[in-house]
PDB file of N, CA and C in Angstrom:
ATOM      1  N   TYR A   1      38.855  48.950 -18.483  1.00  0.00           N
ATOM      2  CA  TYR A   1      38.228  48.578 -19.726  1.00  0.00           C
ATOM      3  C   TYR A   1      37.063  49.509 -20.014  1.00  0.00           C
ATOM      4  N   GLY A   2      36.354  49.840 -18.976  1.00  0.00           N
ATOM      5  CA  GLY A   2      35.249  50.784 -19.121  1.00  0.00           C
ATOM      6  C   GLY A   2      34.578  50.980 -17.783  1.00  0.00           C
ATOM      7  N   GLY A   3      34.178  52.212 -17.503  1.00  0.00           N
ATOM      8  CA  GLY A   3      33.525  52.487 -16.225  1.00  0.00           C
ATOM      9  C   GLY A   3      34.425  52.118 -15.074  1.00  0.00           C
ATOM     10  N   GLU A   4      33.946  51.247 -14.217  1.00  0.00           N
ATOM     11  CA  GLU A   4      34.744  50.779 -13.078  1.00  0.00           C
ATOM     12  C   GLU A   4      35.404  49.440 -13.375  1.00  0.00           C
ATOM     13  N   GLU A   5      35.437  49.028 -14.622  1.00  0.00           N
ATOM     14  CA  GLU A   5      36.010  47.738 -14.998  1.00  0.00           C
ATOM     15  C   GLU A   5      37.371  47.931 -15.652  1.00  0.00           C
ATOM     16  N   PHE A   6      38.247  46.973 -15.415  1.00  0.00           N
ATOM     17  CA  PHE A   6      39.536  46.973 -16.098  1.00  0.00           C
ATOM     18  C   PHE A   6      39.877  45.542 -16.476  1.00  0.00           C
ATOM     19  N   ALA A   7      40.797  45.414 -17.415  1.00  0.00           N
ATOM     20  CA  ALA A   7      41.198  44.097 -17.893  1.00  0.00           C
ATOM     21  C   ALA A   7      42.676  43.870 -17.604  1.00  0.00           C
ATOM     22  N   VAL A   8      43.009  42.634 -17.294  1.00  0.00           N
ATOM     23  CA  VAL A   8      44.393  42.220 -17.138  1.00  0.00           C
ATOM     24  C   VAL A   8      44.600  41.075 -18.125  1.00  0.00           C
ATOM     25  N   LEU A   9      45.490  41.271 -19.071  1.00  0.00           N
ATOM     26  CA  LEU A   9      45.775  40.236 -20.061  1.00  0.00           C
ATOM     27  C   LEU A   9      47.069  39.529 -19.690  1.00  0.00           C
ATOM     28  N   LEU A  10      47.018  38.224 -19.640  1.00  0.00           N
ATOM     29  CA  LEU A  10      48.166  37.424 -19.218  1.00  0.00           C
ATOM     30  C   LEU A  10      48.512  36.412 -20.299  1.00  0.00           C
ATOM     31  N   PRO A  11      49.292  36.826 -21.300  1.00  0.00           N
ATOM     32  CA  PRO A  11      49.654  35.874 -22.348  1.00  0.00           C
ATOM     33  C   PRO A  11      50.500  34.728 -21.789  1.00  0.00           C
ATOM     34  N   ASN A  12      50.361  33.577 -22.388  1.00  0.00           N
ATOM     35  CA  ASN A  12      51.128  32.386 -21.989  1.00  0.00           C
ATOM     36  C   ASN A  12      50.911  32.015 -20.525  1.00  0.00           C
ATOM     37  N   THR A  13      49.685  32.219 -20.054  1.00  0.00           N
ATOM     38  CA  THR A  13      49.343  31.914 -18.666  1.00  0.00           C
ATOM     39  C   THR A  13      48.199  30.905 -18.657  1.00  0.00           C
ATOM     40  N   LYS A  14      48.361  29.844 -17.918  1.00  0.00           N
ATOM     41  CA  LYS A  14      47.297  28.849 -17.789  1.00  0.00           C
ATOM     42  C   LYS A  14      46.157  29.427 -16.950  1.00  0.00           C
ATOM     43  N   LEU A  15      44.988  28.838 -17.102  1.00  0.00           N
ATOM     44  CA  LEU A  15      43.818  29.284 -16.354  1.00  0.00           C
ATOM     45  C   LEU A  15      44.072  29.243 -14.855  1.00  0.00           C
ATOM     46  N   SER A  16      44.751  28.223 -14.386  1.00  0.00           N
ATOM     47  CA  SER A  16      45.025  28.104 -12.947  1.00  0.00           C
ATOM     48  C   SER A  16      45.897  29.257 -12.455  1.00  0.00           C
ATOM     49  N   GLY A  17      46.866  29.684 -13.253  1.00  0.00           N
ATOM     50  CA  GLY A  17      47.713  30.813 -12.874  1.00  0.00           C
ATOM     51  C   GLY A  17      46.943  32.120 -12.865  1.00  0.00           C
ATOM     52  N   ALA A  18      46.061  32.304 -13.841  1.00  0.00           N
ATOM     53  CA  ALA A  18      45.237  33.511 -13.888  1.00  0.00           C
ATOM     54  C   ALA A  18      44.280  33.551 -12.704  1.00  0.00           C
ATOM     55  N   ALA A  19      43.718  32.402 -12.351  1.00  0.00           N
ATOM     56  CA  ALA A  19      42.806  32.324 -11.209  1.00  0.00           C
ATOM     57  C   ALA A  19      43.540  32.640  -9.903  1.00  0.00           C
ATOM     58  N   LEU A  20      44.747  32.140  -9.780  1.00  0.00           N
ATOM     59  CA  LEU A  20      45.549  32.412  -8.587  1.00  0.00           C
ATOM     60  C   LEU A  20      45.852  33.906  -8.460  1.00  0.00           C
ATOM     61  N   LEU A  21      46.237  34.533  -9.553  1.00  0.00           N
ATOM     62  CA  LEU A  21      46.514  35.968  -9.529  1.00  0.00           C
ATOM     63  C   LEU A  21      45.252  36.758  -9.209  1.00  0.00           C
ATOM     64  N   ALA A  22      44.129  36.363  -9.786  1.00  0.00           N
ATOM     65  CA  ALA A  22      42.871  37.054  -9.514  1.00  0.00           C
ATOM     66  C   ALA A  22      42.537  37.010  -8.024  1.00  0.00           C
ATOM     67  N   GLU A  23      42.689  35.859  -7.410  1.00  0.00           N
ATOM     68  CA  GLU A  23      42.406  35.747  -5.975  1.00  0.00           C
ATOM     69  C   GLU A  23      43.380  36.588  -5.154  1.00  0.00           C
ATOM     70  N   LYS A  24      44.643  36.643  -5.555  1.00  0.00           N
ATOM     71  CA  LYS A  24      45.609  37.496  -4.853  1.00  0.00           C
ATOM     72  C   LYS A  24      45.210  38.963  -4.958  1.00  0.00           C
ATOM     73  N   LEU A  25      44.780  39.383  -6.149  1.00  0.00           N
ATOM     74  CA  LEU A  25      44.321  40.767  -6.326  1.00  0.00           C
ATOM     75  C   LEU A  25      43.122  41.067  -5.435  1.00  0.00           C
ATOM     76  N   ARG A  26      42.164  40.146  -5.403  1.00  0.00           N
ATOM     77  CA  ARG A  26      40.975  40.326  -4.570  1.00  0.00           C
ATOM     78  C   ARG A  26      41.341  40.480  -3.101  1.00  0.00           C
ATOM     79  N   LEU A  27      42.215  39.600  -2.628  1.00  0.00           N
ATOM     80  CA  LEU A  27      42.647  39.658  -1.230  1.00  0.00           C
ATOM     81  C   LEU A  27      43.421  40.935  -0.918  1.00  0.00           C
ATOM     82  N   CYS A  28      44.259  41.374  -1.849  1.00  0.00           N
ATOM     83  CA  CYS A  28      45.035  42.604  -1.631  1.00  0.00           C
ATOM     84  C   CYS A  28      44.119  43.812  -1.487  1.00  0.00           C
ATOM     85  N   VAL A  29      43.143  43.915  -2.370  1.00  0.00           N
ATOM     86  CA  VAL A  29      42.214  45.053  -2.281  1.00  0.00           C
ATOM     87  C   VAL A  29      41.413  44.972  -0.991  1.00  0.00           C
ATOM     88  N   GLU A  30      40.929  43.801  -0.661  1.00  0.00           N
ATOM     89  CA  GLU A  30      40.156  43.620   0.567  1.00  0.00           C
ATOM     90  C   GLU A  30      40.980  43.999   1.798  1.00  0.00           C
ATOM     91  N   SER A  31      42.250  43.631   1.809  1.00  0.00           N
ATOM     92  CA  SER A  31      43.099  43.891   2.984  1.00  0.00           C
ATOM     93  C   SER A  31      43.412  45.376   3.178  1.00  0.00           C
ATOM     94  N   LEU A  32      43.251  46.172   2.146  1.00  0.00           N
ATOM     95  CA  LEU A  32      43.488  47.619   2.277  1.00  0.00           C
ATOM     96  C   LEU A  32      42.443  48.290   3.160  1.00  0.00           C
ATOM     97  N   GLN A  33      41.297  47.683   3.279  1.00  0.00           N
ATOM     98  CA  GLN A  33      40.182  48.200   4.084  1.00  0.00           C
ATOM     99  C   GLN A  33      39.912  49.677   3.793  1.00  0.00           C
ATOM    100  N   ILE A  34      39.731  49.968   2.517  1.00  0.00           N
ATOM    101  CA  ILE A  34      39.390  51.322   2.091  1.00  0.00           C
ATOM    102  C   ILE A  34      37.905  51.536   2.387  1.00  0.00           C
ATOM    103  N   PRO A  35      37.576  52.517   3.211  1.00  0.00           N
ATOM    104  CA  PRO A  35      36.163  52.734   3.563  1.00  0.00           C
ATOM    105  C   PRO A  35      35.293  53.000   2.334  1.00  0.00           C
ATOM    106  N   HIS A  36      34.109  52.412   2.343  1.00  0.00           N
ATOM    107  CA  HIS A  36      33.136  52.594   1.263  1.00  0.00           C
ATOM    108  C   HIS A  36      31.785  52.882   1.919  1.00  0.00           C
ATOM    109  N   PRO A  37      31.646  54.098   2.472  1.00  0.00           N
ATOM    110  CA  PRO A  37      30.464  54.405   3.286  1.00  0.00           C
ATOM    111  C   PRO A  37      29.141  54.380   2.527  1.00  0.00           C
ATOM    112  N   ASP A  38      29.152  54.552   1.215  1.00  0.00           N
ATOM    113  CA  ASP A  38      27.901  54.576   0.458  1.00  0.00           C
ATOM    114  C   ASP A  38      27.446  53.189  -0.006  1.00  0.00           C
ATOM    115  N   SER A  39      28.252  52.176   0.240  1.00  0.00           N
ATOM    116  CA  SER A  39      27.921  50.833  -0.230  1.00  0.00           C
ATOM    117  C   SER A  39      26.923  50.151   0.705  1.00  0.00           C
ATOM    118  N   LYS A  40      25.962  49.456   0.099  1.00  0.00           N
ATOM    119  CA  LYS A  40      25.023  48.640   0.868  1.00  0.00           C
ATOM    120  C   LYS A  40      25.503  47.192   0.946  1.00  0.00           C
ATOM    121  N   ILE A  41      26.615  46.896   0.256  1.00  0.00           N
ATOM    122  CA  ILE A  41      27.146  45.529   0.181  1.00  0.00           C
ATOM    123  C   ILE A  41      28.230  45.285   1.223  1.00  0.00           C
ATOM    124  N   ASN A  42      29.172  46.223   1.318  1.00  0.00           N
ATOM    125  CA  ASN A  42      30.328  46.044   2.195  1.00  0.00           C
ATOM    126  C   ASN A  42      30.801  47.409   2.662  1.00  0.00           C
ATOM    127  N   ARG A  43      31.273  47.501   3.864  1.00  0.00           N
ATOM    128  CA  ARG A  43      31.747  48.807   4.355  1.00  0.00           C
ATOM    129  C   ARG A  43      33.107  49.181   3.803  1.00  0.00           C
ATOM    130  N   TYR A  44      33.774  48.223   3.144  1.00  0.00           N
ATOM    131  CA  TYR A  44      35.063  48.485   2.511  1.00  0.00           C
ATOM    132  C   TYR A  44      34.986  48.210   1.013  1.00  0.00           C
ATOM    133  N   VAL A  45      35.873  48.836   0.263  1.00  0.00           N
ATOM    134  CA  VAL A  45      35.972  48.592  -1.174  1.00  0.00           C
ATOM    135  C   VAL A  45      36.440  47.151  -1.398  1.00  0.00           C
ATOM    136  N   THR A  46      35.766  46.471  -2.292  1.00  0.00           N
ATOM    137  CA  THR A  46      36.154  45.114  -2.692  1.00  0.00           C
ATOM    138  C   THR A  46      36.105  45.047  -4.217  1.00  0.00           C
ATOM    139  N   ILE A  47      36.611  43.956  -4.757  1.00  0.00           N
ATOM    140  CA  ILE A  47      36.524  43.755  -6.201  1.00  0.00           C
ATOM    141  C   ILE A  47      35.974  42.370  -6.512  1.00  0.00           C
ATOM    142  N   SER A  48      35.276  42.300  -7.616  1.00  0.00           N
ATOM    143  CA  SER A  48      34.823  41.031  -8.173  1.00  0.00           C
ATOM    144  C   SER A  48      35.593  40.834  -9.462  1.00  0.00           C
ATOM    145  N   LEU A  49      35.972  39.590  -9.735  1.00  0.00           N
ATOM    146  CA  LEU A  49      36.781  39.329 -10.915  1.00  0.00           C
ATOM    147  C   LEU A  49      36.205  38.184 -11.724  1.00  0.00           C
ATOM    148  N   GLY A  50      36.205  38.378 -13.030  1.00  0.00           N
ATOM    149  CA  GLY A  50      35.842  37.327 -13.964  1.00  0.00           C
ATOM    150  C   GLY A  50      37.100  36.877 -14.673  1.00  0.00           C
ATOM    151  N   VAL A  51      37.393  35.593 -14.613  1.00  0.00           N
ATOM    152  CA  VAL A  51      38.610  35.053 -15.214  1.00  0.00           C
ATOM    153  C   VAL A  51      38.217  34.147 -16.373  1.00  0.00           C
ATOM    154  N   ALA A  52      38.844  34.383 -17.524  1.00  0.00           N
ATOM    155  CA  ALA A  52      38.580  33.566 -18.703  1.00  0.00           C
ATOM    156  C   ALA A  52      39.897  33.234 -19.380  1.00  0.00           C
ATOM    157  N   SER A  53      39.911  32.117 -20.076  1.00  0.00           N
ATOM    158  CA  SER A  53      41.117  31.701 -20.777  1.00  0.00           C
ATOM    159  C   SER A  53      40.724  31.001 -22.070  1.00  0.00           C
ATOM    160  N   VAL A  54      41.438  31.319 -23.119  1.00  0.00           N
ATOM    161  CA  VAL A  54      41.225  30.634 -24.396  1.00  0.00           C
ATOM    162  C   VAL A  54      42.575  30.407 -25.068  1.00  0.00           C
ATOM    163  N   VAL A  55      42.614  29.406 -25.907  1.00  0.00           N
ATOM    164  CA  VAL A  55      43.741  29.234 -26.819  1.00  0.00           C
ATOM    165  C   VAL A  55      43.233  29.780 -28.145  1.00  0.00           C
ATOM    166  N   PRO A  56      43.774  30.909 -28.596  1.00  0.00           N
ATOM    167  CA  PRO A  56      43.229  31.548 -29.789  1.00  0.00           C
ATOM    168  C   PRO A  56      43.431  30.713 -31.047  1.00  0.00           C
ATOM    169  N   THR A  57      42.481  30.876 -31.945  1.00  0.00           N
ATOM    170  CA  THR A  57      42.564  30.254 -33.254  1.00  0.00           C
ATOM    171  C   THR A  57      42.453  31.353 -34.300  1.00  0.00           C
ATOM    172  N   LEU A  58      42.732  31.023 -35.541  1.00  0.00           N
ATOM    173  CA  LEU A  58      42.691  32.024 -36.609  1.00  0.00           C
ATOM    174  C   LEU A  58      41.287  32.593 -36.840  1.00  0.00           C
ATOM    175  N   ASP A  59      40.259  31.809 -36.559  1.00  0.00           N
ATOM    176  CA  ASP A  59      38.899  32.300 -36.785  1.00  0.00           C
ATOM    177  C   ASP A  59      38.273  32.937 -35.536  1.00  0.00           C
ATOM    178  N   MET A  60      39.031  33.105 -34.498  1.00  0.00           N
ATOM    179  CA  MET A  60      38.549  33.699 -33.253  1.00  0.00           C
ATOM    180  C   MET A  60      38.836  35.186 -33.245  1.00  0.00           C
ATOM    181  N   ASN A  61      37.918  35.948 -32.652  1.00  0.00           N
ATOM    182  CA  ASN A  61      38.192  37.377 -32.507  1.00  0.00           C
ATOM    183  C   ASN A  61      38.302  37.718 -31.022  1.00  0.00           C
ATOM    184  N   PRO A  62      38.983  38.809 -30.688  1.00  0.00           N
ATOM    185  CA  PRO A  62      39.224  39.168 -29.287  1.00  0.00           C
ATOM    186  C   PRO A  62      37.941  39.373 -28.481  1.00  0.00           C
ATOM    187  N   GLU A  63      36.877  39.789 -29.146  1.00  0.00           N
ATOM    188  CA  GLU A  63      35.619  40.036 -28.435  1.00  0.00           C
ATOM    189  C   GLU A  63      35.069  38.767 -27.791  1.00  0.00           C
ATOM    190  N   GLN A  64      35.417  37.609 -28.337  1.00  0.00           N
ATOM    191  CA  GLN A  64      34.941  36.355 -27.750  1.00  0.00           C
ATOM    192  C   GLN A  64      35.525  36.151 -26.352  1.00  0.00           C
ATOM    193  N   LEU A  65      36.799  36.423 -26.181  1.00  0.00           N
ATOM    194  CA  LEU A  65      37.425  36.303 -24.858  1.00  0.00           C
ATOM    195  C   LEU A  65      36.839  37.338 -23.904  1.00  0.00           C
ATOM    196  N   VAL A  66      36.676  38.553 -24.376  1.00  0.00           N
ATOM    197  CA  VAL A  66      36.101  39.610 -23.540  1.00  0.00           C
ATOM    198  C   VAL A  66      34.693  39.225 -23.099  1.00  0.00           C
ATOM    199  N   SER A  67      33.930  38.651 -23.995  1.00  0.00           N
ATOM    200  CA  SER A  67      32.563  38.238 -23.665  1.00  0.00           C
ATOM    201  C   SER A  67      32.540  37.168 -22.578  1.00  0.00           C
ATOM    202  N   ILE A  68      33.438  36.201 -22.660  1.00  0.00           N
ATOM    203  CA  ILE A  68      33.507  35.145 -21.640  1.00  0.00           C
ATOM    204  C   ILE A  68      33.900  35.739 -20.288  1.00  0.00           C
ATOM    205  N   ALA A  69      34.906  36.598 -20.294  1.00  0.00           N
ATOM    206  CA  ALA A  69      35.356  37.231 -19.047  1.00  0.00           C
ATOM    207  C   ALA A  69      34.250  38.104 -18.454  1.00  0.00           C
ATOM    208  N   ASP A  70      33.544  38.821 -19.307  1.00  0.00           N
ATOM    209  CA  ASP A  70      32.459  39.692 -18.850  1.00  0.00           C
ATOM    210  C   ASP A  70      31.335  38.878 -18.211  1.00  0.00           C
ATOM    211  N   LYS A  71      31.007  37.753 -18.818  1.00  0.00           N
ATOM    212  CA  LYS A  71      29.984  36.876 -18.244  1.00  0.00           C
ATOM    213  C   LYS A  71      30.429  36.368 -16.869  1.00  0.00           C
ATOM    214  N   ALA A  72      31.683  35.977 -16.762  1.00  0.00           N
ATOM    215  CA  ALA A  72      32.208  35.503 -15.474  1.00  0.00           C
ATOM    216  C   ALA A  72      32.157  36.617 -14.432  1.00  0.00           C
ATOM    217  N   LEU A  73      32.514  37.834 -14.836  1.00  0.00           N
ATOM    218  CA  LEU A  73      32.470  38.971 -13.903  1.00  0.00           C
ATOM    219  C   LEU A  73      31.055  39.183 -13.379  1.00  0.00           C
ATOM    220  N   TYR A  74      30.082  39.189 -14.263  1.00  0.00           N
ATOM    221  CA  TYR A  74      28.711  39.437 -13.823  1.00  0.00           C
ATOM    222  C   TYR A  74      28.158  38.281 -12.999  1.00  0.00           C
ATOM    223  N   GLU A  75      28.626  37.083 -13.238  1.00  0.00           N
ATOM    224  CA  GLU A  75      28.244  35.965 -12.364  1.00  0.00           C
ATOM    225  C   GLU A  75      28.848  36.156 -10.977  1.00  0.00           C
ATOM    226  N   ALA A  76      30.103  36.610 -10.908  1.00  0.00           N
ATOM    227  CA  ALA A  76      30.743  36.877  -9.609  1.00  0.00           C
ATOM    228  C   ALA A  76      29.961  37.939  -8.850  1.00  0.00           C
ATOM    229  N   LYS A  77      29.553  38.974  -9.549  1.00  0.00           N
ATOM    230  CA  LYS A  77      28.761  40.030  -8.898  1.00  0.00           C
ATOM    231  C   LYS A  77      27.414  39.479  -8.435  1.00  0.00           C
ATOM    232  N   GLY A  78      26.801  38.669  -9.269  1.00  0.00           N
ATOM    233  CA  GLY A  78      25.502  38.094  -8.925  1.00  0.00           C
ATOM    234  C   GLY A  78      25.558  37.108  -7.772  1.00  0.00           C
ATOM    235  N   MET A  79      26.723  36.536  -7.529  1.00  0.00           N
ATOM    236  CA  MET A  79      26.886  35.578  -6.439  1.00  0.00           C
ATOM    237  C   MET A  79      27.199  36.266  -5.112  1.00  0.00           C
ATOM    238  N   GLY A  80      27.195  37.595  -5.103  1.00  0.00           N
ATOM    239  CA  GLY A  80      27.396  38.305  -3.849  1.00  0.00           C
ATOM    240  C   GLY A  80      28.586  39.242  -3.834  1.00  0.00           C
ATOM    241  N   ARG A  81      29.306  39.341  -4.931  1.00  0.00           N
ATOM    242  CA  ARG A  81      30.461  40.237  -5.052  1.00  0.00           C
ATOM    243  C   ARG A  81      31.633  39.783  -4.193  1.00  0.00           C
ATOM    244  N   ASN A  82      32.753  40.520  -4.320  1.00  0.00           N
ATOM    245  CA  ASN A  82      33.987  40.210  -3.589  1.00  0.00           C
ATOM    246  C   ASN A  82      34.398  38.752  -3.776  1.00  0.00           C
ATOM    247  N   ARG A  83      34.427  38.341  -5.034  1.00  0.00           N
ATOM    248  CA  ARG A  83      34.799  36.961  -5.342  1.00  0.00           C
ATOM    249  C   ARG A  83      35.347  36.848  -6.749  1.00  0.00           C
ATOM    250  N   VAL A  84      35.911  35.693  -7.033  1.00  0.00           N
ATOM    251  CA  VAL A  84      36.466  35.371  -8.344  1.00  0.00           C
ATOM    252  C   VAL A  84      35.582  34.295  -8.971  1.00  0.00           C
ATOM    253  N   LYS A  85      35.194  34.517 -10.225  1.00  0.00           N
ATOM    254  CA  LYS A  85      34.451  33.504 -10.992  1.00  0.00           C
ATOM    255  C   LYS A  85      35.300  33.142 -12.200  1.00  0.00           C
ATOM    256  N   ILE A  86      35.499  31.852 -12.400  1.00  0.00           N
ATOM    257  CA  ILE A  86      36.382  31.357 -13.467  1.00  0.00           C
ATOM    258  C   ILE A  86      35.528  30.682 -14.539  1.00  0.00           C
ATOM    259  N   MET A  87      35.800  31.039 -15.799  1.00  0.00           N
ATOM    260  CA  MET A  87      35.152  30.402 -16.937  1.00  0.00           C
ATOM    261  C   MET A  87      36.196  30.082 -17.993  1.00  0.00           C
ATOM    262  N   ALA A  88      36.082  28.931 -18.588  1.00  0.00           N
ATOM    263  CA  ALA A  88      37.020  28.555 -19.649  1.00  0.00           C
ATOM    264  C   ALA A  88      36.320  28.530 -20.987  1.00  0.00           C
TER     265      ALA A  88
END
């Protein structure tokens, strides 16, 4: 999506399914044990994920969903990284 961030869009997916996939992604990256020697947080590369879900309406714009997901991502990072934060 930008910088070191990317987005995964899952149409017709319930929040619980998106959360499950996010945790699987987090675990997969963690299990690769890719060295991250410059990190002060973890010696291996990890990911933090913000999960958001909305049922769109005609007066809603896409930026609203992105904003919710972005807030969840930054909360995950603020809680110590290498985790999934879910917001509805």
